[in-house]
């Protein structure tokens, strides 16, 4: 192998190493973003559950049918929001698990 070919191969190898390290960094950033997303969803669900509990306590104190209906509909809205957030959270979790498994399989090969 001549010096020119050797230099070209070394340059390509260097670029591949740089790309590899950048991909590893990007992968770490993606996992960090997913962790933040999970933490946000969990905090939001907790917040909505606390609001639901407070509203449920006030439900028995409703002075008329109209205010009772409004509070009841608000409770239903909170339940729907919690359901959707937990559904999103589980999809994010499953997607992350699939990515981890795919990476594990690739690293084993």
PDB file of N, CA and C in Angstrom:
ATOM      1  N   UNK A   1       0.856  -1.166   0.000  1.00  0.00           N
ATOM      2  CA  UNK A   1       0.000   0.000   0.000  1.00  0.00           C
ATOM      3  C   UNK A   1       0.905   1.233   0.000  1.00  0.00           C
ATOM      4  N   UNK A   2       0.619   2.155  -0.906  1.00  0.00           N
ATOM      5  CA  UNK A   2       1.476   3.336  -0.980  1.00  0.00           C
ATOM      6  C   UNK A   2       1.053   4.374   0.067  1.00  0.00           C
ATOM      7  N   UNK A   3       1.890   5.379   0.225  1.00  0.00           N
ATOM      8  CA  UNK A   3       1.667   6.395   1.255  1.00  0.00           C
ATOM      9  C   UNK A   3       0.385   7.195   1.029  1.00  0.00           C
ATOM     10  N   UNK A   4       0.060   7.465  -0.234  1.00  0.00           N
ATOM     11  CA  UNK A   4      -1.138   8.255  -0.541  1.00  0.00           C
ATOM     12  C   UNK A   4      -2.404   7.492  -0.134  1.00  0.00           C
ATOM     13  N   UNK A   5      -2.458   6.218  -0.469  1.00  0.00           N
ATOM     14  CA  UNK A   5      -3.606   5.380  -0.106  1.00  0.00           C
ATOM     15  C   UNK A   5      -3.712   5.251   1.406  1.00  0.00           C
ATOM     16  N   UNK A   6      -2.581   5.079   2.037  1.00  0.00           N
ATOM     17  CA  UNK A   6      -2.543   4.950   3.495  1.00  0.00           C
ATOM     18  C   UNK A   6      -3.055   6.233   4.153  1.00  0.00           C
ATOM     19  N   UNK A   7      -2.653   7.375   3.634  1.00  0.00           N
ATOM     20  CA  UNK A   7      -3.096   8.663   4.175  1.00  0.00           C
ATOM     21  C   UNK A   7      -4.601   8.843   3.984  1.00  0.00           C
ATOM     22  N   UNK A   8      -5.115   8.444   2.812  1.00  0.00           N
ATOM     23  CA  UNK A   8      -6.560   8.540   2.556  1.00  0.00           C
ATOM     24  C   UNK A   8      -7.351   7.645   3.509  1.00  0.00           C
ATOM     25  N   UNK A   9      -6.874   6.437   3.715  1.00  0.00           N
ATOM     26  CA  UNK A   9      -7.547   5.519   4.630  1.00  0.00           C
ATOM     27  C   UNK A   9      -7.513   6.040   6.067  1.00  0.00           C
ATOM     28  N   UNK A  10      -6.395   6.614   6.466  1.00  0.00           N
ATOM     29  CA  UNK A  10      -6.296   7.174   7.813  1.00  0.00           C
ATOM     30  C   UNK A  10      -7.239   8.366   7.974  1.00  0.00           C
ATOM     31  N   UNK A  11      -7.366   9.180   6.928  1.00  0.00           N
ATOM     32  CA  UNK A  11      -8.277  10.324   6.975  1.00  0.00           C
ATOM     33  C   UNK A  11      -9.724   9.847   7.089  1.00  0.00           C
ATOM     34  N   UNK A  12     -10.071   8.805   6.322  1.00  0.00           N
ATOM     35  CA  UNK A  12     -11.427   8.247   6.399  1.00  0.00           C
ATOM     36  C   UNK A  12     -11.686   7.650   7.775  1.00  0.00           C
ATOM     37  N   UNK A  13     -10.706   6.948   8.308  1.00  0.00           N
ATOM     38  CA  UNK A  13     -10.837   6.360   9.638  1.00  0.00           C
ATOM     39  C   UNK A  13     -11.037   7.449  10.685  1.00  0.00           C
ATOM     40  N   UNK A  14     -10.295   8.515  10.559  1.00  0.00           N
ATOM     41  CA  UNK A  14     -10.428   9.638  11.482  1.00  0.00           C
ATOM     42  C   UNK A  14     -11.830  10.245  11.403  1.00  0.00           C
ATOM     43  N   UNK A  15     -12.344  10.425  10.181  1.00  0.00           N
ATOM     44  CA  UNK A  15     -13.698  10.967  10.013  1.00  0.00           C
ATOM     45  C   UNK A  15     -14.742  10.030  10.600  1.00  0.00           C
ATOM     46  N   UNK A  16     -14.564   8.724  10.391  1.00  0.00           N
ATOM     47  CA  UNK A  16     -15.500   7.745  10.948  1.00  0.00           C
ATOM     48  C   UNK A  16     -15.501   7.776  12.475  1.00  0.00           C
ATOM     49  N   UNK A  17     -14.328   7.917  13.074  1.00  0.00           N
ATOM     50  CA  UNK A  17     -14.247   8.010  14.533  1.00  0.00           C
ATOM     51  C   UNK A  17     -14.949   9.264  15.032  1.00  0.00           C
ATOM     52  N   UNK A  18     -14.772  10.371  14.311  1.00  0.00           N
ATOM     53  CA  UNK A  18     -15.433  11.623  14.684  1.00  0.00           C
ATOM     54  C   UNK A  18     -16.945  11.474  14.582  1.00  0.00           C
ATOM     55  N   UNK A  19     -17.410  10.894  13.488  1.00  0.00           N
ATOM     56  CA  UNK A  19     -18.846  10.678  13.300  1.00  0.00           C
ATOM     57  C   UNK A  19     -19.388   9.756  14.383  1.00  0.00           C
ATOM     58  N   UNK A  20     -18.648   8.712  14.699  1.00  0.00           N
ATOM     59  CA  UNK A  20     -19.068   7.770  15.731  1.00  0.00           C
ATOM     60  C   UNK A  20     -19.217   8.461  17.083  1.00  0.00           C
ATOM     61  N   UNK A  21     -18.252   9.290  17.441  1.00  0.00           N
ATOM     62  CA  UNK A  21     -18.340   9.994  18.730  1.00  0.00           C
ATOM     63  C   UNK A  21     -19.491  10.998  18.718  1.00  0.00           C
ATOM     64  N   UNK A  22     -19.740  11.634  17.572  1.00  0.00           N
ATOM     65  CA  UNK A  22     -20.864  12.568  17.483  1.00  0.00           C
ATOM     66  C   UNK A  22     -22.197  11.836  17.600  1.00  0.00           C
ATOM     67  N   UNK A  23     -22.289  10.649  17.018  1.00  0.00           N
ATOM     68  CA  UNK A  23     -23.509   9.851  17.134  1.00  0.00           C
ATOM     69  C   UNK A  23     -23.745   9.405  18.574  1.00  0.00           C
ATOM     70  N   UNK A  24     -22.681   9.022  19.263  1.00  0.00           N
ATOM     71  CA  UNK A  24     -22.810   8.643  20.667  1.00  0.00           C
ATOM     72  C   UNK A  24     -23.290   9.822  21.504  1.00  0.00           C
ATOM     73  N   UNK A  25     -22.755  11.001  21.228  1.00  0.00           N
ATOM     74  CA  UNK A  25     -23.184  12.205  21.933  1.00  0.00           C
ATOM     75  C   UNK A  25     -24.647  12.500  21.638  1.00  0.00           C
ATOM     76  N   UNK A  26     -25.044  12.409  20.385  1.00  0.00           N
ATOM     77  CA  UNK A  26     -26.438  12.655  19.998  1.00  0.00           C
ATOM     78  C   UNK A  26     -27.364  11.643  20.657  1.00  0.00           C
ATOM     79  N   UNK A  27     -26.920  10.401  20.736  1.00  0.00           N
ATOM     80  CA  UNK A  27     -27.707   9.360  21.379  1.00  0.00           C
ATOM     81  C   UNK A  27     -27.917   9.683  22.855  1.00  0.00           C
ATOM     82  N   UNK A  28     -26.860  10.122  23.522  1.00  0.00           N
ATOM     83  CA  UNK A  28     -26.969  10.516  24.929  1.00  0.00           C
ATOM     84  C   UNK A  28     -27.911  11.688  25.112  1.00  0.00           C
ATOM     85  N   UNK A  29     -27.861  12.636  24.198  1.00  0.00           N
ATOM     86  CA  UNK A  29     -28.762  13.792  24.267  1.00  0.00           C
ATOM     87  C   UNK A  29     -30.208  13.340  24.093  1.00  0.00           C
ATOM     88  N   UNK A  30     -30.443  12.417  23.158  1.00  0.00           N
ATOM     89  CA  UNK A  30     -31.804  11.910  22.939  1.00  0.00           C
ATOM     90  C   UNK A  30     -32.339  11.238  24.201  1.00  0.00           C
ATOM     91  N   UNK A  31     -31.512  10.420  24.846  1.00  0.00           N
ATOM     92  CA  UNK A  31     -31.959   9.775  26.077  1.00  0.00           C
ATOM     93  C   UNK A  31     -32.220  10.807  27.168  1.00  0.00           C
ATOM     94  N   UNK A  32     -31.404  11.854  27.244  1.00  0.00           N
ATOM     95  CA  UNK A  32     -31.625  12.909  28.233  1.00  0.00           C
ATOM     96  C   UNK A  32     -32.942  13.626  27.975  1.00  0.00           C
ATOM     97  N   UNK A  33     -33.223  13.893  26.708  1.00  0.00           N
ATOM     98  CA  UNK A  33     -34.487  14.549  26.357  1.00  0.00           C
ATOM     99  C   UNK A  33     -35.661  13.652  26.721  1.00  0.00           C
ATOM    100  N   UNK A  34     -35.550  12.359  26.441  1.00  0.00           N
ATOM    101  CA  UNK A  34     -36.621  11.431  26.799  1.00  0.00           C
ATOM    102  C   UNK A  34     -36.812  11.379  28.311  1.00  0.00           C
ATOM    103  N   UNK A  35     -35.709  11.396  29.066  1.00  0.00           N
ATOM    104  CA  UNK A  35     -35.811  11.406  30.524  1.00  0.00           C
ATOM    105  C   UNK A  35     -36.521  12.663  31.008  1.00  0.00           C
ATOM    106  N   UNK A  36     -36.173  13.806  30.421  1.00  0.00           N
ATOM    107  CA  UNK A  36     -36.842  15.055  30.789  1.00  0.00           C
ATOM    108  C   UNK A  36     -38.318  15.004  30.425  1.00  0.00           C
ATOM    109  N   UNK A  37     -38.619  14.458  29.267  1.00  0.00           N
ATOM    110  CA  UNK A  37     -40.005  14.330  28.834  1.00  0.00           C
ATOM    111  C   UNK A  37     -40.781  13.442  29.805  1.00  0.00           C
ATOM    112  N   UNK A  38     -40.188  12.314  30.188  1.00  0.00           N
ATOM    113  CA  UNK A  38     -40.831  11.421  31.154  1.00  0.00           C
ATOM    114  C   UNK A  38     -41.068  12.121  32.484  1.00  0.00           C
ATOM    115  N   UNK A  39     -40.072  12.842  32.950  1.00  0.00           N
ATOM    116  CA  UNK A  39     -40.201  13.554  34.227  1.00  0.00           C
ATOM    117  C   UNK A  39     -41.296  14.612  34.144  1.00  0.00           C
ATOM    118  N   UNK A  40     -41.366  15.319  33.027  1.00  0.00           N
ATOM    119  CA  UNK A  40     -42.404  16.341  32.852  1.00  0.00           C
ATOM    120  C   UNK A  40     -43.790  15.700  32.863  1.00  0.00           C
ATOM    121  N   UNK A  41     -43.946  14.606  32.126  1.00  0.00           N
ATOM    122  CA  UNK A  41     -45.253  13.945  32.072  1.00  0.00           C
ATOM    123  C   UNK A  41     -45.657  13.445  33.449  1.00  0.00           C
ATOM    124  N   UNK A  42     -44.722  12.835  34.165  1.00  0.00           N
ATOM    125  CA  UNK A  42     -45.030  12.335  35.509  1.00  0.00           C
ATOM    126  C   UNK A  42     -45.422  13.474  36.442  1.00  0.00           C
ATOM    127  N   UNK A  43     -44.721  14.594  36.364  1.00  0.00           N
ATOM    128  CA  UNK A  43     -45.050  15.755  37.204  1.00  0.00           C
ATOM    129  C   UNK A  43     -46.415  16.319  36.831  1.00  0.00           C
ATOM    130  N   UNK A  44     -46.705  16.381  35.551  1.00  0.00           N
ATOM    131  CA  UNK A  44     -47.995  16.904  35.095  1.00  0.00           C
ATOM    132  C   UNK A  44     -49.132  15.997  35.548  1.00  0.00           C
ATOM    133  N   UNK A  45     -48.948  14.694  35.469  1.00  0.00           N
ATOM    134  CA  UNK A  45     -49.970  13.749  35.925  1.00  0.00           C
ATOM    135  C   UNK A  45     -50.201  13.916  37.425  1.00  0.00           C
ATOM    136  N   UNK A  46     -49.122  14.038  38.193  1.00  0.00           N
ATOM    137  CA  UNK A  46     -49.263  14.246  39.638  1.00  0.00           C
ATOM    138  C   UNK A  46     -50.026  15.531  39.939  1.00  0.00           C
ATOM    139  N   UNK A  47     -49.698  16.591  39.216  1.00  0.00           N
ATOM    140  CA  UNK A  47     -50.377  17.872  39.398  1.00  0.00           C
ATOM    141  C   UNK A  47     -51.870  17.742  39.101  1.00  0.00           C
ATOM    142  N   UNK A  48     -52.205  17.077  38.012  1.00  0.00           N
ATOM    143  CA  UNK A  48     -53.616  16.897  37.656  1.00  0.00           C
ATOM    144  C   UNK A  48     -54.345  16.026  38.678  1.00  0.00           C
ATOM    145  N   UNK A  49     -53.675  15.019  39.198  1.00  0.00           N
ATOM    146  CA  UNK A  49     -54.298  14.168  40.220  1.00  0.00           C
ATOM    147  C   UNK A  49     -54.577  14.961  41.493  1.00  0.00           C
ATOM    148  N   UNK A  50     -53.651  15.845  41.865  1.00  0.00           N
ATOM    149  CA  UNK A  50     -53.880  16.696  43.035  1.00  0.00           C
ATOM    150  C   UNK A  50     -55.057  17.634  42.800  1.00  0.00           C
ATOM    151  N   UNK A  51     -55.126  18.208  41.607  1.00  0.00           N
ATOM    152  CA  UNK A  51     -56.258  19.080  41.277  1.00  0.00           C
ATOM    153  C   UNK A  51     -57.567  18.301  41.305  1.00  0.00           C
ATOM    154  N   UNK A  52     -57.535  17.073  40.811  1.00  0.00           N
ATOM    155  CA  UNK A  52     -58.733  16.226  40.845  1.00  0.00           C
ATOM    156  C   UNK A  52     -59.174  15.962  42.275  1.00  0.00           C
ATOM    157  N   UNK A  53     -58.223  15.650  43.145  1.00  0.00           N
ATOM    158  CA  UNK A  53     -58.558  15.382  44.542  1.00  0.00           C
ATOM    159  C   UNK A  53     -59.196  16.598  45.202  1.00  0.00           C
ATOM    160  N   UNK A  54     -58.617  17.768  44.964  1.00  0.00           N
ATOM    161  CA  UNK A  54     -59.174  18.997  45.541  1.00  0.00           C
ATOM    162  C   UNK A  54     -60.578  19.261  45.013  1.00  0.00           C
ATOM    163  N   UNK A  55     -60.758  19.071  43.715  1.00  0.00           N
ATOM    164  CA  UNK A  55     -62.065  19.308  43.114  1.00  0.00           C
ATOM    165  C   UNK A  55     -63.084  18.283  43.599  1.00  0.00           C
ATOM    166  N   UNK A  56     -62.673  17.044  43.767  1.00  0.00           N
ATOM    167  CA  UNK A  56     -63.576  16.006  44.268  1.00  0.00           C
ATOM    168  C   UNK A  56     -64.027  16.331  45.688  1.00  0.00           C
ATOM    169  N   UNK A  57     -63.127  16.886  46.497  1.00  0.00           N
ATOM    170  CA  UNK A  57     -63.506  17.298  47.849  1.00  0.00           C
ATOM    171  C   UNK A  57     -64.545  18.413  47.818  1.00  0.00           C
ATOM    172  N   UNK A  58     -64.411  19.318  46.859  1.00  0.00           N
ATOM    173  CA  UNK A  58     -65.341  20.441  46.750  1.00  0.00           C
ATOM    174  C   UNK A  58     -66.670  20.043  46.112  1.00  0.00           C
ATOM    175  N   UNK A  59     -66.696  18.919  45.435  1.00  0.00           N
ATOM    176  CA  UNK A  59     -67.893  18.500  44.712  1.00  0.00           C
ATOM    177  C   UNK A  59     -69.098  18.360  45.636  1.00  0.00           C
ATOM    178  N   UNK A  60     -68.879  17.826  46.819  1.00  0.00           N
ATOM    179  CA  UNK A  60     -69.991  17.645  47.759  1.00  0.00           C
ATOM    180  C   UNK A  60     -70.488  18.972  48.326  1.00  0.00           C
ATOM    181  N   UNK A  61     -69.685  20.016  48.182  1.00  0.00           N
ATOM    182  CA  UNK A  61     -70.074  21.328  48.693  1.00  0.00           C
ATOM    183  C   UNK A  61     -70.782  22.186  47.642  1.00  0.00           C
ATOM    184  N   UNK A  62     -71.029  21.612  46.469  1.00  0.00           N
ATOM    185  CA  UNK A  62     -71.674  22.377  45.396  1.00  0.00           C
ATOM    186  C   UNK A  62     -73.032  22.888  45.872  1.00  0.00           C
ATOM    187  N   UNK A  63     -73.292  24.163  45.604  1.00  0.00           N
ATOM    188  CA  UNK A  63     -74.514  24.797  46.105  1.00  0.00           C
ATOM    189  C   UNK A  63     -75.719  24.540  45.209  1.00  0.00           C
ATOM    190  N   UNK A  64     -75.484  24.326  43.943  1.00  0.00           N
ATOM    191  CA  UNK A  64     -76.606  24.071  43.041  1.00  0.00           C
ATOM    192  C   UNK A  64     -76.200  23.058  41.977  1.00  0.00           C
ATOM    193  N   UNK A  65     -77.180  22.629  41.231  1.00  0.00           N
ATOM    194  CA  UNK A  65     -76.951  21.618  40.198  1.00  0.00           C
ATOM    195  C   UNK A  65     -75.969  22.099  39.130  1.00  0.00           C
ATOM    196  N   UNK A  66     -76.051  23.383  38.786  1.00  0.00           N
ATOM    197  CA  UNK A  66     -75.190  23.943  37.744  1.00  0.00           C
ATOM    198  C   UNK A  66     -73.711  23.896  38.146  1.00  0.00           C
ATOM    199  N   UNK A  67     -73.417  24.310  39.369  1.00  0.00           N
ATOM    200  CA  UNK A  67     -72.015  24.285  39.812  1.00  0.00           C
ATOM    201  C   UNK A  67     -71.522  22.846  39.972  1.00  0.00           C
ATOM    202  N   UNK A  68     -72.415  21.951  40.396  1.00  0.00           N
ATOM    203  CA  UNK A  68     -72.060  20.539  40.497  1.00  0.00           C
ATOM    204  C   UNK A  68     -71.685  19.989  39.118  1.00  0.00           C
ATOM    205  N   UNK A  69     -72.502  20.305  38.117  1.00  0.00           N
ATOM    206  CA  UNK A  69     -72.238  19.837  36.753  1.00  0.00           C
ATOM    207  C   UNK A  69     -70.907  20.365  36.219  1.00  0.00           C
ATOM    208  N   UNK A  70     -70.629  21.647  36.477  1.00  0.00           N
ATOM    209  CA  UNK A  70     -69.359  22.227  36.023  1.00  0.00           C
ATOM    210  C   UNK A  70     -68.172  21.516  36.656  1.00  0.00           C
ATOM    211  N   UNK A  71     -68.256  21.292  37.966  1.00  0.00           N
ATOM    212  CA  UNK A  71     -67.165  20.604  38.660  1.00  0.00           C
ATOM    213  C   UNK A  71     -67.016  19.167  38.161  1.00  0.00           C
ATOM    214  N   UNK A  72     -68.140  18.515  37.939  1.00  0.00           N
ATOM    215  CA  UNK A  72     -68.101  17.134  37.463  1.00  0.00           C
ATOM    216  C   UNK A  72     -67.459  17.057  36.077  1.00  0.00           C
ATOM    217  N   UNK A  73     -67.828  17.979  35.203  1.00  0.00           N
ATOM    218  CA  UNK A  73     -67.219  18.013  33.867  1.00  0.00           C
ATOM    219  C   UNK A  73     -65.723  18.325  33.948  1.00  0.00           C
ATOM    220  N   UNK A  74     -65.341  19.181  34.892  1.00  0.00           N
ATOM    221  CA  UNK A  74     -63.919  19.484  35.082  1.00  0.00           C
ATOM    222  C   UNK A  74     -63.166  18.231  35.534  1.00  0.00           C
ATOM    223  N   UNK A  75     -63.787  17.451  36.419  1.00  0.00           N
ATOM    224  CA  UNK A  75     -63.178  16.182  36.843  1.00  0.00           C
ATOM    225  C   UNK A  75     -62.994  15.238  35.652  1.00  0.00           C
ATOM    226  N   UNK A  76     -64.004  15.168  34.810  1.00  0.00           N
ATOM    227  CA  UNK A  76     -63.893  14.327  33.614  1.00  0.00           C
ATOM    228  C   UNK A  76     -62.769  14.809  32.702  1.00  0.00           C
ATOM    229  N   UNK A  77     -62.634  16.125  32.564  1.00  0.00           N
ATOM    230  CA  UNK A  77     -61.552  16.685  31.747  1.00  0.00           C
ATOM    231  C   UNK A  77     -60.186  16.316  32.318  1.00  0.00           C
ATOM    232  N   UNK A  78     -60.051  16.397  33.645  1.00  0.00           N
ATOM    233  CA  UNK A  78     -58.794  16.009  34.288  1.00  0.00           C
ATOM    234  C   UNK A  78     -58.495  14.529  34.035  1.00  0.00           C
ATOM    235  N   UNK A  79     -59.523  13.681  34.183  1.00  0.00           N
ATOM    236  CA  UNK A  79     -59.335  12.251  33.944  1.00  0.00           C
ATOM    237  C   UNK A  79     -58.880  11.983  32.512  1.00  0.00           C
ATOM    238  N   UNK A  80     -59.499  12.678  31.562  1.00  0.00           N
ATOM    239  CA  UNK A  80     -59.128  12.509  30.154  1.00  0.00           C
ATOM    240  C   UNK A  80     -57.684  12.959  29.915  1.00  0.00           C
ATOM    241  N   UNK A  81     -57.311  14.084  30.497  1.00  0.00           N
ATOM    242  CA  UNK A  81     -55.945  14.595  30.336  1.00  0.00           C
ATOM    243  C   UNK A  81     -54.931  13.620  30.930  1.00  0.00           C
ATOM    244  N   UNK A  82     -55.238  13.082  32.100  1.00  0.00           N
ATOM    245  CA  UNK A  82     -54.342  12.108  32.739  1.00  0.00           C
ATOM    246  C   UNK A  82     -54.217  10.860  31.871  1.00  0.00           C
ATOM    247  N   UNK A  83     -55.340  10.391  31.356  1.00  0.00           N
ATOM    248  CA  UNK A  83     -55.319   9.211  30.484  1.00  0.00           C
ATOM    249  C   UNK A  83     -54.421   9.445  29.275  1.00  0.00           C
ATOM    250  N   UNK A  84     -54.586  10.595  28.624  1.00  0.00           N
ATOM    251  CA  UNK A  84     -53.792  10.892  27.432  1.00  0.00           C
ATOM    252  C   UNK A  84     -52.308  11.043  27.759  1.00  0.00           C
ATOM    253  N   UNK A  85     -52.000  11.691  28.887  1.00  0.00           N
ATOM    254  CA  UNK A  85     -50.596  11.840  29.278  1.00  0.00           C
ATOM    255  C   UNK A  85     -49.956  10.491  29.585  1.00  0.00           C
ATOM    256  N   UNK A  86     -50.689   9.643  30.295  1.00  0.00           N
ATOM    257  CA  UNK A  86     -50.142   8.322  30.618  1.00  0.00           C
ATOM    258  C   UNK A  86     -49.987   7.466  29.367  1.00  0.00           C
ATOM    259  N   UNK A  87     -50.904   7.629  28.426  1.00  0.00           N
ATOM    260  CA  UNK A  87     -50.795   6.910  27.154  1.00  0.00           C
ATOM    261  C   UNK A  87     -49.549   7.367  26.395  1.00  0.00           C
ATOM    262  N   UNK A  88     -49.321   8.682  26.359  1.00  0.00           N
ATOM    263  CA  UNK A  88     -48.129   9.234  25.700  1.00  0.00           C
ATOM    264  C   UNK A  88     -46.871   8.746  26.414  1.00  0.00           C
ATOM    265  N   UNK A  89     -46.918   8.742  27.748  1.00  0.00           N
ATOM    266  CA  UNK A  89     -45.777   8.299  28.544  1.00  0.00           C
ATOM    267  C   UNK A  89     -45.441   6.838  28.229  1.00  0.00           C
ATOM    268  N   UNK A  90     -46.448   5.989  28.136  1.00  0.00           N
ATOM    269  CA  UNK A  90     -46.183   4.575  27.866  1.00  0.00           C
ATOM    270  C   UNK A  90     -45.650   4.378  26.449  1.00  0.00           C
ATOM    271  N   UNK A  91     -46.151   5.166  25.485  1.00  0.00           N
ATOM    272  CA  UNK A  91     -45.626   5.067  24.115  1.00  0.00           C
ATOM    273  C   UNK A  91     -44.168   5.505  24.071  1.00  0.00           C
ATOM    274  N   UNK A  92     -43.844   6.591  24.777  1.00  0.00           N
ATOM    275  CA  UNK A  92     -42.461   7.075  24.825  1.00  0.00           C
ATOM    276  C   UNK A  92     -41.566   6.016  25.460  1.00  0.00           C
ATOM    277  N   UNK A  93     -42.048   5.402  26.536  1.00  0.00           N
ATOM    278  CA  UNK A  93     -41.283   4.368  27.227  1.00  0.00           C
ATOM    279  C   UNK A  93     -41.032   3.174  26.305  1.00  0.00           C
ATOM    280  N   UNK A  94     -42.081   2.729  25.610  1.00  0.00           N
ATOM    281  CA  UNK A  94     -41.926   1.587  24.713  1.00  0.00           C
ATOM    282  C   UNK A  94     -40.983   1.899  23.559  1.00  0.00           C
ATOM    283  N   UNK A  95     -41.061   3.118  23.037  1.00  0.00           N
ATOM    284  CA  UNK A  95     -40.173   3.526  21.946  1.00  0.00           C
ATOM    285  C   UNK A  95     -38.718   3.533  22.429  1.00  0.00           C
ATOM    286  N   UNK A  96     -38.508   4.023  23.642  1.00  0.00           N
ATOM    287  CA  UNK A  96     -37.151   4.057  24.201  1.00  0.00           C
ATOM    288  C   UNK A  96     -36.626   2.634  24.416  1.00  0.00           C
ATOM    289  N   UNK A  97     -37.479   1.741  24.904  1.00  0.00           N
ATOM    290  CA  UNK A  97     -37.061   0.353  25.109  1.00  0.00           C
ATOM    291  C   UNK A  97     -36.689  -0.306  23.780  1.00  0.00           C
ATOM    292  N   UNK A  98     -37.474  -0.032  22.731  1.00  0.00           N
ATOM    293  CA  UNK A  98     -37.162  -0.598  21.413  1.00  0.00           C
ATOM    294  C   UNK A  98     -35.826  -0.078  20.907  1.00  0.00           C
ATOM    295  N   UNK A  99     -35.578   1.225  21.107  1.00  0.00           N
ATOM    296  CA  UNK A  99     -34.307   1.799  20.676  1.00  0.00           C
ATOM    297  C   UNK A  99     -33.143   1.176  21.428  1.00  0.00           C
ATOM    298  N   UNK A 100     -33.308   1.002  22.735  1.00  0.00           N
ATOM    299  CA  UNK A 100     -32.247   0.397  23.534  1.00  0.00           C
ATOM    300  C   UNK A 100     -31.969  -1.032  23.076  1.00  0.00           C
ATOM    301  N   UNK A 101     -33.032  -1.784  22.805  1.00  0.00           N
ATOM    302  CA  UNK A 101     -32.859  -3.164  22.353  1.00  0.00           C
ATOM    303  C   UNK A 101     -32.175  -3.204  20.994  1.00  0.00           C
ATOM    304  N   UNK A 102     -32.560  -2.295  20.112  1.00  0.00           N
ATOM    305  CA  UNK A 102     -31.948  -2.230  18.782  1.00  0.00           C
ATOM    306  C   UNK A 102     -30.457  -1.918  18.895  1.00  0.00           C
ATOM    307  N   UNK A 103     -30.111  -0.965  19.775  1.00  0.00           N
ATOM    308  CA  UNK A 103     -28.705  -0.614  19.969  1.00  0.00           C
ATOM    309  C   UNK A 103     -27.934  -1.776  20.578  1.00  0.00           C
ATOM    310  N   UNK A 104     -28.567  -2.462  21.504  1.00  0.00           N
ATOM    311  CA  UNK A 104     -27.921  -3.610  22.136  1.00  0.00           C
ATOM    312  C   UNK A 104     -27.652  -4.700  21.101  1.00  0.00           C
ATOM    313  N   UNK A 105     -28.650  -4.948  20.248  1.00  0.00           N
ATOM    314  CA  UNK A 105     -28.483  -5.947  19.193  1.00  0.00           C
ATOM    315  C   UNK A 105     -27.370  -5.553  18.226  1.00  0.00           C
ATOM    316  N   UNK A 106     -27.303  -4.265  17.889  1.00  0.00           N
ATOM    317  CA  UNK A 106     -26.270  -3.792  16.970  1.00  0.00           C
ATOM    318  C   UNK A 106     -24.883  -3.899  17.596  1.00  0.00           C
ATOM    319  N   UNK A 107     -24.795  -3.613  18.886  1.00  0.00           N
ATOM    320  CA  UNK A 107     -23.481  -3.675  19.537  1.00  0.00           C
ATOM    321  C   UNK A 107     -22.995  -5.116  19.683  1.00  0.00           C
ATOM    322  N   UNK A 108     -23.929  -6.054  19.771  1.00  0.00           N
ATOM    323  CA  UNK A 108     -23.555  -7.466  19.868  1.00  0.00           C
ATOM    324  C   UNK A 108     -23.081  -8.016  18.531  1.00  0.00           C
ATOM    325  N   UNK A 109     -23.531  -7.409  17.448  1.00  0.00           N
ATOM    326  CA  UNK A 109     -23.143  -7.891  16.098  1.00  0.00           C
ATOM    327  C   UNK A 109     -21.841  -7.344  15.653  1.00  0.00           C
TER     328      UNK A 109
END
